């Protein structure tokens, strides 16, 4: 799952690749340098969507929404799998 800390790290990498300082990025995105610094260092627990979009846009990046892949199993599915595993193990024991 993508979170703000992950986004911040990706922003820092891209900013450095482009040879920009935090001040340069802040000016391009019309946000404060403190906002960029907090985002890049995982110290921003909440940040407005419009600020994130402006920062990403200033770096030539964008967010993409898509369906999750590799979904985690539900608790019921895990219990079912464990019960089936136990049944199979018991069947193997009986054959010996």
Protein backbone atom coordinates (compact mmCIF):
# COMPACT_ATOMS: atom_id res chain seq x y z
CA UNK A 1 0.00 0.00 0.00
CA UNK A 2 1.28 3.41 -0.90
CA UNK A 3 1.50 5.92 1.94
CA UNK A 4 2.75 9.48 2.34
CA UNK A 5 6.17 8.29 3.52
CA UNK A 6 6.62 6.19 0.36
CA UNK A 7 5.54 9.12 -1.83
CA UNK A 8 7.94 11.43 0.02
CA UNK A 9 10.89 9.13 -0.57
CA UNK A 10 10.09 8.88 -4.28
CA UNK A 11 9.80 12.67 -4.48
CA UNK A 12 13.23 13.11 -2.83
CA UNK A 13 14.84 10.68 -5.29
CA UNK A 14 13.29 12.39 -8.31
CA UNK A 15 14.20 15.87 -7.02
CA UNK A 16 17.85 14.84 -6.64
CA UNK A 17 17.86 13.21 -10.09
CA UNK A 18 16.71 16.51 -11.54
CA UNK A 19 19.40 18.40 -9.62
CA UNK A 20 16.86 20.50 -7.71
CA UNK A 21 17.15 21.74 -4.15
CA UNK A 22 14.20 21.62 -1.79
CA UNK A 23 13.88 25.39 -2.25
CA UNK A 24 13.79 24.99 -6.06
CA UNK A 25 11.04 22.39 -5.80
CA UNK A 26 9.09 24.43 -3.28
CA UNK A 27 9.15 27.47 -5.58
CA UNK A 28 8.07 25.42 -8.61
CA UNK A 29 5.22 23.79 -6.67
CA UNK A 30 4.16 26.93 -4.76
CA UNK A 31 4.60 25.29 -1.36
CA UNK A 32 6.98 26.02 1.49
CA UNK A 33 10.43 24.46 1.71
CA UNK A 34 9.35 23.13 5.12
CA UNK A 35 6.50 21.24 3.41
CA UNK A 36 8.90 19.62 0.94
CA UNK A 37 11.37 18.77 3.71
CA UNK A 38 8.68 17.26 5.96
CA UNK A 39 7.23 15.20 3.10
CA UNK A 40 10.62 13.90 1.96
CA UNK A 41 11.64 12.94 5.49
CA UNK A 42 8.39 11.25 6.49
CA UNK A 43 7.47 13.89 9.06
CA UNK A 44 4.23 14.94 7.43
CA UNK A 45 1.37 12.77 8.63
CA UNK A 46 -1.19 14.68 6.57
CA UNK A 47 -0.76 16.83 3.51
CA UNK A 48 -3.43 18.25 1.24
CA UNK A 49 -4.05 16.46 -2.04
CA UNK A 50 -3.56 19.66 -4.06
CA UNK A 51 -0.09 20.20 -2.52
CA UNK A 52 0.97 16.66 -3.35
CA UNK A 53 -0.28 17.04 -6.92
CA UNK A 54 1.58 20.38 -7.34
CA UNK A 55 4.81 18.85 -6.02
CA UNK A 56 4.49 15.81 -8.26
CA UNK A 57 3.63 17.96 -11.27
CA UNK A 58 6.67 20.18 -10.64
CA UNK A 59 8.78 17.02 -10.90
CA UNK A 60 7.00 15.69 -14.00
CA UNK A 61 5.33 12.94 -11.97
CA UNK A 62 1.72 11.89 -11.40
CA UNK A 63 -0.32 9.56 -9.24
CA UNK A 64 -1.97 6.59 -10.90
CA UNK A 65 -4.98 4.73 -9.54
CA UNK A 66 -5.40 1.07 -10.41
CA UNK A 67 -6.90 -2.12 -9.09
CA UNK A 68 -4.92 -3.88 -6.42
CA UNK A 69 -3.06 -6.97 -7.46
CA UNK A 70 -1.93 -9.73 -5.18
CA UNK A 71 -4.68 -9.12 -2.69
CA UNK A 72 -4.16 -10.47 0.78
CA UNK A 73 -6.38 -13.35 1.84
CA UNK A 74 -9.25 -12.72 4.22
CA UNK A 75 -9.29 -14.27 7.69
CA UNK A 76 -11.94 -16.74 6.51
CA UNK A 77 -9.74 -17.80 3.60
CA UNK A 78 -6.77 -18.33 5.93
CA UNK A 79 -8.86 -20.41 8.34
CA UNK A 80 -10.22 -22.47 5.44
CA UNK A 81 -6.73 -23.09 4.08
CA UNK A 82 -5.46 -24.13 7.52
CA UNK A 83 -8.38 -26.52 8.03
CA UNK A 84 -7.77 -28.07 4.63
CA UNK A 85 -4.07 -28.39 5.42
CA UNK A 86 -4.93 -30.11 8.71
CA UNK A 87 -7.34 -32.51 6.95
CA UNK A 88 -4.69 -33.38 4.38
CA UNK A 89 -2.12 -33.97 7.11
CA UNK A 90 -4.52 -36.27 8.97
CA UNK A 91 -5.16 -38.21 5.77
CA UNK A 92 -1.43 -38.68 5.29
CA UNK A 93 -1.07 -39.97 8.87
CA UNK A 94 -3.82 -42.59 8.32
CA UNK A 95 -2.07 -43.96 5.22
CA UNK A 96 1.10 -44.81 7.13
